[in-house]
Protein backbone atom coordinates (compact mmCIF):
# COMPACT_ATOMS: atom_id res chain seq x y z
CA MET A 1 0.18 -0.07 -0.03
CA ALA A 2 1.34 3.32 -0.83
CA GLN A 3 2.18 5.59 2.11
CA THR A 4 -0.61 7.76 3.54
CA PRO A 5 0.14 11.18 4.87
CA PHE A 6 0.58 11.34 8.69
CA ILE A 7 -2.32 13.94 8.64
CA GLU A 8 -4.81 11.63 6.94
CA VAL A 9 -4.08 8.80 9.21
CA ASN A 10 -4.60 11.13 12.21
CA GLN A 11 -7.68 12.75 10.94
CA ALA A 12 -9.19 9.19 10.18
CA ILE A 13 -8.33 8.13 13.82
CA ARG A 14 -10.07 11.31 15.14
CA ASP A 15 -13.19 10.56 12.99
CA SER A 16 -13.31 7.12 14.38
CA GLY A 17 -13.46 8.30 18.01
CA GLY A 18 -9.94 7.43 18.86
CA HIS A 19 -7.29 9.73 20.64
CA ASP A 20 -4.85 11.73 18.49
CA LEU A 21 -1.70 9.63 17.71
CA ASN A 22 0.43 12.19 19.33
CA ALA A 23 -0.92 11.04 22.74
CA CYS A 24 1.01 7.91 22.47
CA MET A 25 4.64 8.22 23.70
CA GLN A 26 5.89 4.79 22.78
CA CYS A 27 6.43 3.52 26.44
CA GLY A 28 5.55 0.01 25.42
CA LEU A 29 3.16 -0.80 28.05
CA CYS A 30 0.57 -1.68 25.70
CA SER A 31 2.82 -4.42 23.98
CA ALA A 32 3.81 -5.66 27.40
CA LEU A 33 0.40 -7.16 28.17
CA CYS A 34 -0.56 -8.19 24.52
CA PRO A 35 -1.43 -11.63 24.22
CA TRP A 36 0.51 -11.89 20.87
CA ARG A 37 3.58 -12.00 23.17
CA GLU A 38 2.72 -15.47 24.29
CA VAL A 39 2.82 -16.88 20.63
CA GLU A 40 5.11 -16.28 17.72
CA GLY A 41 3.42 -13.46 16.24
CA GLN A 42 4.49 -10.18 14.53
CA PHE A 43 1.45 -7.99 15.99
CA LEU A 44 2.51 -5.56 18.58
CA PRO A 45 0.44 -2.42 19.46
CA ARG A 46 3.41 -0.24 20.00
CA LEU A 47 4.68 -1.05 16.50
CA MET A 48 1.50 -0.33 14.92
CA ILE A 49 0.69 2.98 16.38
CA ARG A 50 4.37 3.97 15.36
CA GLN A 51 3.45 3.07 11.74
CA GLY A 52 0.18 5.21 12.20
CA GLN A 53 2.33 8.09 13.40
CA LEU A 54 4.44 7.93 10.25
CA GLY A 55 1.88 7.70 7.96
CA LEU A 56 1.69 3.95 7.70
CA GLU A 57 5.44 4.04 6.59
CA GLY A 58 6.84 0.61 6.92
CA TYR A 59 3.31 -1.07 6.80
CA GLU A 60 3.69 -4.36 4.80
CA SER A 61 1.29 -7.01 5.92
CA ASP A 62 -2.41 -7.00 6.40
CA GLU A 63 -2.31 -9.96 8.54
CA VAL A 64 -0.56 -8.09 11.26
CA LEU A 65 -2.61 -5.29 11.57
CA PHE A 66 -5.76 -7.40 11.46
CA GLY A 67 -4.19 -9.67 14.22
CA CYS A 68 -5.30 -7.35 16.77
CA THR A 69 -8.17 -9.04 18.81
CA THR A 70 -9.29 -5.81 20.43
CA CYS A 71 -9.06 -7.43 24.03
CA ASN A 72 -8.78 -4.45 25.77
CA LYS A 73 -5.61 -5.23 27.77
CA CYS A 74 -3.44 -2.44 26.16
CA VAL A 75 -6.18 0.20 26.58
CA LEU A 76 -6.34 -0.57 30.54
CA ASN A 77 -2.50 -0.49 30.70
CA CYS A 78 -1.92 2.92 28.83
CA PRO A 79 -0.75 5.69 31.09
CA ARG A 80 -1.95 8.27 28.53
CA GLY A 81 -5.38 6.99 28.11
CA VAL A 82 -5.06 6.30 24.29
CA ASP A 83 -8.00 4.82 22.66
CA ILE A 84 -5.60 1.90 21.19
CA ILE A 85 -8.56 0.05 19.74
CA GLY A 86 -9.85 3.16 18.08
CA VAL A 87 -6.51 3.52 16.36
CA MET A 88 -6.48 -0.04 15.33
CA ARG A 89 -10.00 0.44 13.88
CA ALA A 90 -9.20 3.85 12.07
CA MET A 91 -6.00 2.16 10.60
CA ARG A 92 -7.94 -0.92 9.46
CA SER A 93 -10.48 1.39 7.95
CA LEU A 94 -7.90 3.01 5.62
CA ILE A 95 -6.77 -0.44 4.67
CA THR A 96 -10.35 -1.68 4.05
CA GLN A 97 -10.72 1.31 1.86
CA ALA A 98 -7.77 0.38 -0.15
CA GLY A 99 -9.14 -3.40 -0.55
CA GLY A 100 -6.14 -4.86 1.73
CA VAL A 101 -8.52 -6.85 3.98
CA PRO A 102 -7.27 -10.41 4.43
CA GLU A 103 -9.36 -12.99 2.26
CA THR A 104 -11.30 -14.66 5.09
CA LEU A 105 -12.57 -11.21 6.24
CA LYS A 106 -13.36 -10.23 2.79
CA ALA A 107 -15.68 -13.32 2.80
CA VAL A 108 -17.11 -12.17 6.21
CA LEU A 109 -18.02 -8.64 5.00
CA GLY A 110 -19.42 -9.83 1.82
CA SER A 111 -21.72 -12.32 3.64
CA VAL A 112 -22.90 -9.31 5.89
CA HIS A 113 -23.66 -7.11 3.03
CA ALA A 114 -25.61 -9.96 1.32
CA ASN A 115 -27.06 -11.97 4.41
CA GLY A 116 -27.03 -9.68 7.29
CA ASN A 117 -24.66 -12.17 8.95
CA PRO A 118 -21.08 -13.27 8.79
CA TRP A 119 -21.80 -16.97 8.37
CA SER A 120 -22.48 -17.23 4.64
CA GLU A 121 -25.97 -18.42 5.48
CA PRO A 122 -29.36 -17.25 4.23
CA ARG A 123 -31.12 -14.44 6.01
CA GLU A 124 -34.33 -16.67 6.19
CA LYS A 125 -32.51 -19.37 8.24
CA ARG A 126 -31.74 -16.90 11.02
CA ASP A 127 -34.49 -18.24 13.51
CA GLN A 128 -33.95 -22.11 12.64
CA TRP A 129 -32.26 -22.63 15.86
CA THR A 130 -35.72 -22.35 17.54
CA GLN A 131 -37.11 -25.50 15.83
CA GLY A 132 -38.81 -27.78 18.25
CA LEU A 133 -38.80 -25.09 21.21
CA GLU A 134 -41.49 -22.86 22.72
CA VAL A 135 -40.02 -19.53 21.56
CA PRO A 136 -42.38 -16.46 21.66
CA ARG A 137 -42.17 -13.71 19.11
CA PHE A 138 -41.44 -10.15 20.43
CA GLY A 139 -44.39 -7.96 20.48
CA PRO A 140 -46.02 -5.01 22.74
CA ASP A 141 -46.76 -7.54 25.54
CA LYS A 142 -43.12 -8.73 26.06
CA GLU A 143 -40.83 -7.10 28.64
CA TYR A 144 -37.60 -8.08 26.92
CA LEU A 145 -36.14 -8.64 23.44
CA LEU A 146 -33.99 -11.56 23.29
CA PHE A 147 -31.23 -10.95 20.79
CA VAL A 148 -29.39 -14.06 19.97
CA CYS A 149 -26.10 -13.43 18.21
CA CYS A 150 -25.32 -14.47 14.48
CA THR A 151 -22.81 -17.32 15.87
CA SER A 152 -25.67 -18.72 17.95
CA CYS A 153 -28.04 -18.61 15.48
CA TYR A 154 -26.18 -20.22 12.64
CA ASP A 155 -23.02 -22.41 14.15
CA GLN A 156 -24.40 -25.84 15.07
CA ARG A 157 -22.53 -25.84 18.15
CA SER A 158 -23.28 -22.48 19.39
CA GLN A 159 -27.06 -23.06 18.77
CA ARG A 160 -27.04 -25.15 21.97
CA ILE A 161 -26.11 -22.01 23.90
CA ALA A 162 -29.25 -20.08 22.47
CA ARG A 163 -31.53 -23.31 23.00
CA SER A 164 -30.28 -23.50 26.85
CA LEU A 165 -30.98 -19.85 27.34
CA VAL A 166 -34.39 -20.23 26.23
CA GLU A 167 -35.05 -23.26 28.23
CA LEU A 168 -34.06 -21.18 31.42
CA LEU A 169 -36.02 -18.09 30.39
CA ASN A 170 -39.11 -20.32 29.93
CA ARG A 171 -38.69 -22.02 33.19
CA ALA A 172 -38.34 -18.62 35.10
CA GLN A 173 -41.34 -17.42 33.20
CA VAL A 174 -39.61 -14.23 31.85
CA SER A 175 -41.69 -12.00 29.45
CA TYR A 176 -39.76 -12.04 26.36
CA GLY A 177 -39.73 -12.49 22.62
CA VAL A 178 -37.33 -12.93 19.64
CA LEU A 179 -37.23 -11.51 16.13
CA GLY A 180 -36.79 -13.60 13.10
CA PRO A 181 -34.87 -12.78 9.73
CA GLU A 182 -35.67 -9.05 9.99
CA GLN A 183 -32.95 -8.58 12.53
CA SER A 184 -29.39 -8.24 11.28
CA CYS A 185 -25.86 -8.70 12.72
CA CYS A 186 -25.14 -5.97 15.60
CA GLY A 187 -22.31 -4.98 13.63
CA GLU A 188 -19.65 -5.13 16.28
CA SER A 189 -17.01 -7.26 14.46
CA VAL A 190 -17.72 -5.45 11.16
CA ARG A 191 -16.98 -2.34 12.72
CA LYS A 192 -13.64 -3.62 14.33
CA ILE A 193 -12.47 -4.96 10.98
CA GLY A 194 -12.87 -1.27 9.65
CA ASP A 195 -15.79 -1.28 7.44
CA GLU A 196 -17.51 1.53 9.11
CA GLY A 197 -20.16 2.14 6.35
CA LEU A 198 -21.50 -1.42 6.78
CA PHE A 199 -21.66 -0.91 10.38
CA GLN A 200 -23.91 2.25 10.17
CA LYS A 201 -26.04 0.32 7.77
CA LEU A 202 -26.50 -2.70 10.02
CA ALA A 203 -26.89 -0.62 13.13
CA GLY A 204 -29.43 1.84 11.54
CA SER A 205 -31.59 -0.98 10.11
CA ASN A 206 -31.62 -2.57 13.75
CA VAL A 207 -32.37 0.63 15.59
CA GLU A 208 -35.29 1.50 13.13
CA LEU A 209 -36.74 -2.08 13.80
CA PHE A 210 -36.34 -1.99 17.36
CA ASN A 211 -37.66 1.53 17.89
CA ARG A 212 -40.75 0.85 15.54
CA LEU A 213 -41.46 -2.40 17.58
CA GLY A 214 -40.91 -0.46 20.97
CA VAL A 215 -38.11 -2.31 22.19
CA LYS A 216 -36.86 -1.17 25.42
CA LYS A 217 -34.97 -3.84 27.24
CA ILE A 218 -32.56 -6.34 25.44
CA ILE A 219 -31.19 -9.60 26.77
CA VAL A 220 -28.10 -10.61 24.72
CA ASN A 221 -25.90 -13.99 24.79
CA SER A 222 -22.90 -12.32 23.28
CA PRO A 223 -20.80 -9.94 25.24
CA HIS A 224 -19.95 -8.39 21.61
CA CYS A 225 -23.51 -7.49 21.32
CA LEU A 226 -23.93 -6.11 24.88
CA LYS A 227 -20.78 -3.77 24.26
CA THR A 228 -22.39 -2.66 20.88
CA PHE A 229 -25.93 -2.13 21.84
CA ARG A 230 -25.17 -0.19 25.18
CA ASP A 231 -22.22 1.93 23.98
CA GLU A 232 -22.53 2.48 20.35
CA TYR A 233 -26.07 2.18 19.33
CA PRO A 234 -27.15 5.39 21.22
CA GLU A 235 -25.18 7.47 18.93
CA LEU A 236 -27.75 6.22 16.30
CA GLY A 237 -30.72 7.01 18.27
CA GLY A 238 -30.77 3.29 19.85
CA GLU A 239 -31.32 3.86 23.49
CA TYR A 240 -31.82 0.78 25.39
CA GLU A 241 -31.51 -1.28 28.82
CA VAL A 242 -29.11 -4.03 27.80
CA VAL A 243 -28.21 -6.93 29.78
CA HIS A 244 -26.01 -10.08 29.22
CA ALA A 245 -27.20 -13.49 29.97
CA SER A 246 -24.91 -14.10 32.84
CA GLN A 247 -26.02 -11.14 34.60
CA PHE A 248 -29.67 -11.67 34.04
CA LEU A 249 -29.53 -15.53 34.97
CA ALA A 250 -27.59 -14.50 38.09
CA GLY A 251 -30.37 -12.32 39.10
CA LEU A 252 -32.97 -14.97 38.36
CA ALA A 253 -30.99 -17.36 40.48
CA GLU A 254 -30.53 -15.15 43.46
CA GLN A 255 -34.45 -14.27 43.32
CA GLY A 256 -35.11 -18.00 43.30
CA ARG A 257 -36.83 -18.03 40.10
CA LEU A 258 -34.77 -20.53 38.53
CA PRO A 259 -35.56 -24.01 39.70
CA LEU A 260 -31.92 -25.06 40.27
CA ARG A 261 -30.93 -28.42 41.91
CA GLY A 262 -27.38 -27.29 42.79
CA GLY A 263 -26.06 -30.76 41.94
CA LEU A 264 -23.23 -29.90 39.66
CA GLN A 265 -20.65 -30.70 42.06
CA ALA A 266 -17.75 -30.37 39.63
CA LYS A 267 -14.49 -28.16 39.43
CA VAL A 268 -15.32 -25.27 36.91
CA ALA A 269 -12.61 -22.93 35.92
CA PHE A 270 -14.53 -19.63 34.42
CA HIS A 271 -12.78 -18.25 31.37
CA ASP A 272 -13.77 -14.17 31.45
CA PRO A 273 -14.63 -13.01 27.90
CA CYS A 274 -12.87 -9.97 26.92
CA TYR A 275 -15.87 -8.17 26.11
CA LEU A 276 -17.76 -9.38 29.20
CA GLY A 277 -14.82 -8.60 31.60
CA ARG A 278 -12.37 -5.87 30.57
CA HIS A 279 -14.86 -4.15 28.20
CA SER A 280 -17.84 -4.23 30.36
CA GLY A 281 -16.69 -5.02 33.87
CA VAL A 282 -18.80 -7.96 34.65
CA TYR A 283 -16.81 -10.52 36.73
CA GLU A 284 -18.78 -11.50 40.03
CA GLN A 285 -22.24 -12.37 38.43
CA PRO A 286 -21.15 -15.34 36.17
CA ARG A 287 -19.19 -16.86 39.12
CA LYS A 288 -22.32 -16.55 41.26
CA ALA A 289 -24.49 -18.29 38.67
CA LEU A 290 -22.08 -21.02 38.48
CA GLU A 291 -21.94 -21.41 42.39
CA ALA A 292 -25.89 -21.37 42.09
CA CYS A 293 -25.89 -24.73 40.09
CA GLY A 294 -23.45 -26.35 42.74
CA ALA A 295 -20.13 -25.64 40.79
CA ARG A 296 -16.80 -25.40 42.70
CA VAL A 297 -15.10 -22.51 41.11
CA VAL A 298 -11.61 -22.62 40.68
CA GLU A 299 -9.55 -19.75 39.20
CA MET A 300 -6.86 -20.05 36.41
CA ASP A 301 -3.60 -18.28 36.59
CA ARG A 302 -4.85 -15.47 34.62
CA ALA A 303 -8.54 -14.29 35.60
CA ARG A 304 -10.71 -11.45 35.81
CA GLU A 305 -8.95 -8.28 34.52
CA LEU A 306 -5.90 -10.29 33.35
CA SER A 307 -7.92 -13.00 31.67
CA LEU A 308 -6.28 -14.36 28.61
CA CYS A 309 -7.97 -13.46 25.22
CA CYS A 310 -9.29 -16.52 23.34
CA GLY A 311 -8.47 -14.59 20.01
CA GLY A 312 -11.91 -14.25 18.64
CA GLY A 313 -12.61 -10.61 18.74
CA GLY A 314 -11.68 -8.10 16.24
CA GLY A 315 -12.53 -10.49 13.36
CA GLY A 316 -10.17 -12.98 14.88
CA LEU A 317 -12.92 -15.81 15.03
CA TRP A 318 -12.77 -15.90 11.20
CA MET A 319 -8.89 -15.40 10.64
CA GLU A 320 -6.92 -18.44 9.72
CA THR A 321 -4.53 -18.59 12.43
CA PRO A 322 -2.33 -21.63 12.78
CA ALA A 323 -3.17 -23.81 15.68
CA GLU A 324 0.06 -23.20 17.66
CA LYS A 325 -0.43 -19.59 17.54
CA ARG A 326 -4.16 -19.48 18.92
CA PHE A 327 -4.23 -17.91 22.38
CA SER A 328 -7.00 -20.48 23.00
CA LEU A 329 -4.86 -23.23 22.98
CA LEU A 330 -2.63 -21.75 25.90
CA ARG A 331 -6.03 -21.36 27.72
CA VAL A 332 -7.34 -24.71 27.44
CA ARG A 333 -3.94 -25.98 28.89
CA GLU A 334 -4.28 -23.33 31.58
CA ALA A 335 -7.71 -24.60 32.60
CA ALA A 336 -6.46 -28.36 32.61
CA ALA A 337 -3.60 -27.14 34.79
CA SER A 338 -6.05 -25.70 37.28
CA GLY A 339 -7.59 -29.12 37.94
CA ALA A 340 -10.81 -28.07 36.49
CA GLN A 341 -13.30 -30.64 35.07
CA VAL A 342 -15.16 -27.94 33.10
CA LEU A 343 -13.87 -24.75 31.46
CA ALA A 344 -17.04 -22.51 31.43
CA THR A 345 -17.46 -19.16 29.70
CA ALA A 346 -20.19 -16.88 28.62
CA CYS A 347 -19.47 -15.98 24.87
CA PRO A 348 -20.16 -17.86 21.57
CA TYR A 349 -16.65 -16.88 20.17
CA CYS A 350 -14.98 -18.08 23.04
CA ILE A 351 -16.93 -21.30 23.02
CA SER A 352 -16.03 -21.94 19.32
CA LEU A 353 -12.23 -21.28 19.82
CA LEU A 354 -11.89 -22.85 23.13
CA GLU A 355 -13.76 -26.13 21.87
CA ASP A 356 -11.45 -26.19 18.83
CA SER A 357 -8.33 -25.94 21.04
CA ARG A 358 -9.59 -28.45 23.53
CA LYS A 359 -9.63 -31.02 20.46
CA THR A 360 -6.44 -29.96 19.29
CA ALA A 361 -4.52 -30.23 22.76
CA GLY A 362 -6.26 -33.69 23.14
CA LEU A 363 -7.76 -32.74 26.50
CA ASP A 364 -10.61 -35.42 26.57
CA ASP A 365 -10.87 -35.17 30.40
CA ILE A 366 -12.28 -31.34 30.22
CA LYS A 367 -15.44 -30.05 28.93
CA VAL A 368 -15.98 -26.59 27.35
CA LEU A 369 -19.45 -25.43 28.13
CA ASP A 370 -21.29 -21.99 28.06
CA LEU A 371 -22.75 -20.92 31.50
CA CYS A 372 -26.26 -21.20 30.13
CA GLU A 373 -25.69 -24.94 29.18
CA LEU A 374 -24.47 -25.58 32.80
CA LEU A 375 -27.46 -23.82 34.25
CA ALA A 376 -29.92 -25.76 32.04
CA GLN A 377 -28.39 -29.01 33.03
CA ASP A 378 -28.93 -28.29 36.54
CA LEU A 379 -32.56 -27.60 36.23
CA ALA A 380 -34.92 -29.62 38.61
């Protein structure tokens, strides 16, 4: 790619909501906590910011820039408060406009353009995961919209998460409903990949739909949807009360509305998803929900704010990352070392990558399950 003038890069970053590149003093504290230091990878936040400061001078590989998983560790560790994720997003936007997106992500963006989802599946199949279940449609008589993320709508493994959540909501007699093919992807990954125009299209369509139907409260099963609906949709006129399933279910359990037996009696390590933990500050409620079903929660070496990213954010779920370079492989080994029988989490992206890495590592003695699945298994 031809060198882009420094002022253009800086302006693009300001337009995307990121801090000015000059705020970075190149101290390296961002790179110190980057999960790419755990494996053989070329991506370093400090290096990418420096290339941005120089107008993308020295930029050679799309794979390096698009390696950022937006885990937010670097942002929390930055002494100058630089919006490093905003910087990465702005740089990606410039590369995307120049047609430099990695091939796997081009396919993702193409599918979202055509089908409203990143899984190359027809829009009409969005609610097929509900087959055989009692799943009400959202209407004026429903308190909550249940927004199931694209991964749990189309990915066969992830559909089990959505089906378990529905079973729990039904047993607790929650007033909720779902939408069908008319809803689109929340657009979180699209925006992080750098296609701002497509994000605006998706978000605008959803906001119009939600507002027309009178949506006020939303339950989501993906932390990525949580972050996007809560923090980014308001700028487009979408003001909603948004709660993640782990928070909602923990509340139901505390109120005694979930008929749990408390019979799990297994050692469970909880993997804090980046977008639930570092991005949203939710740490205690998932653990309380696990304890409510009888789990003996054990902590891995890196937990809560220091949780190791699975690698799925920022478009990473669809990147062709070699098995030995996947953070999720390190994570399942860490879970096994904790003595856990179950590695639990609360994010469809994490489930997908952790399950794949569990198989790669040959760890047959540990299960990878979503919090919703564990609670549903414990229903009386």
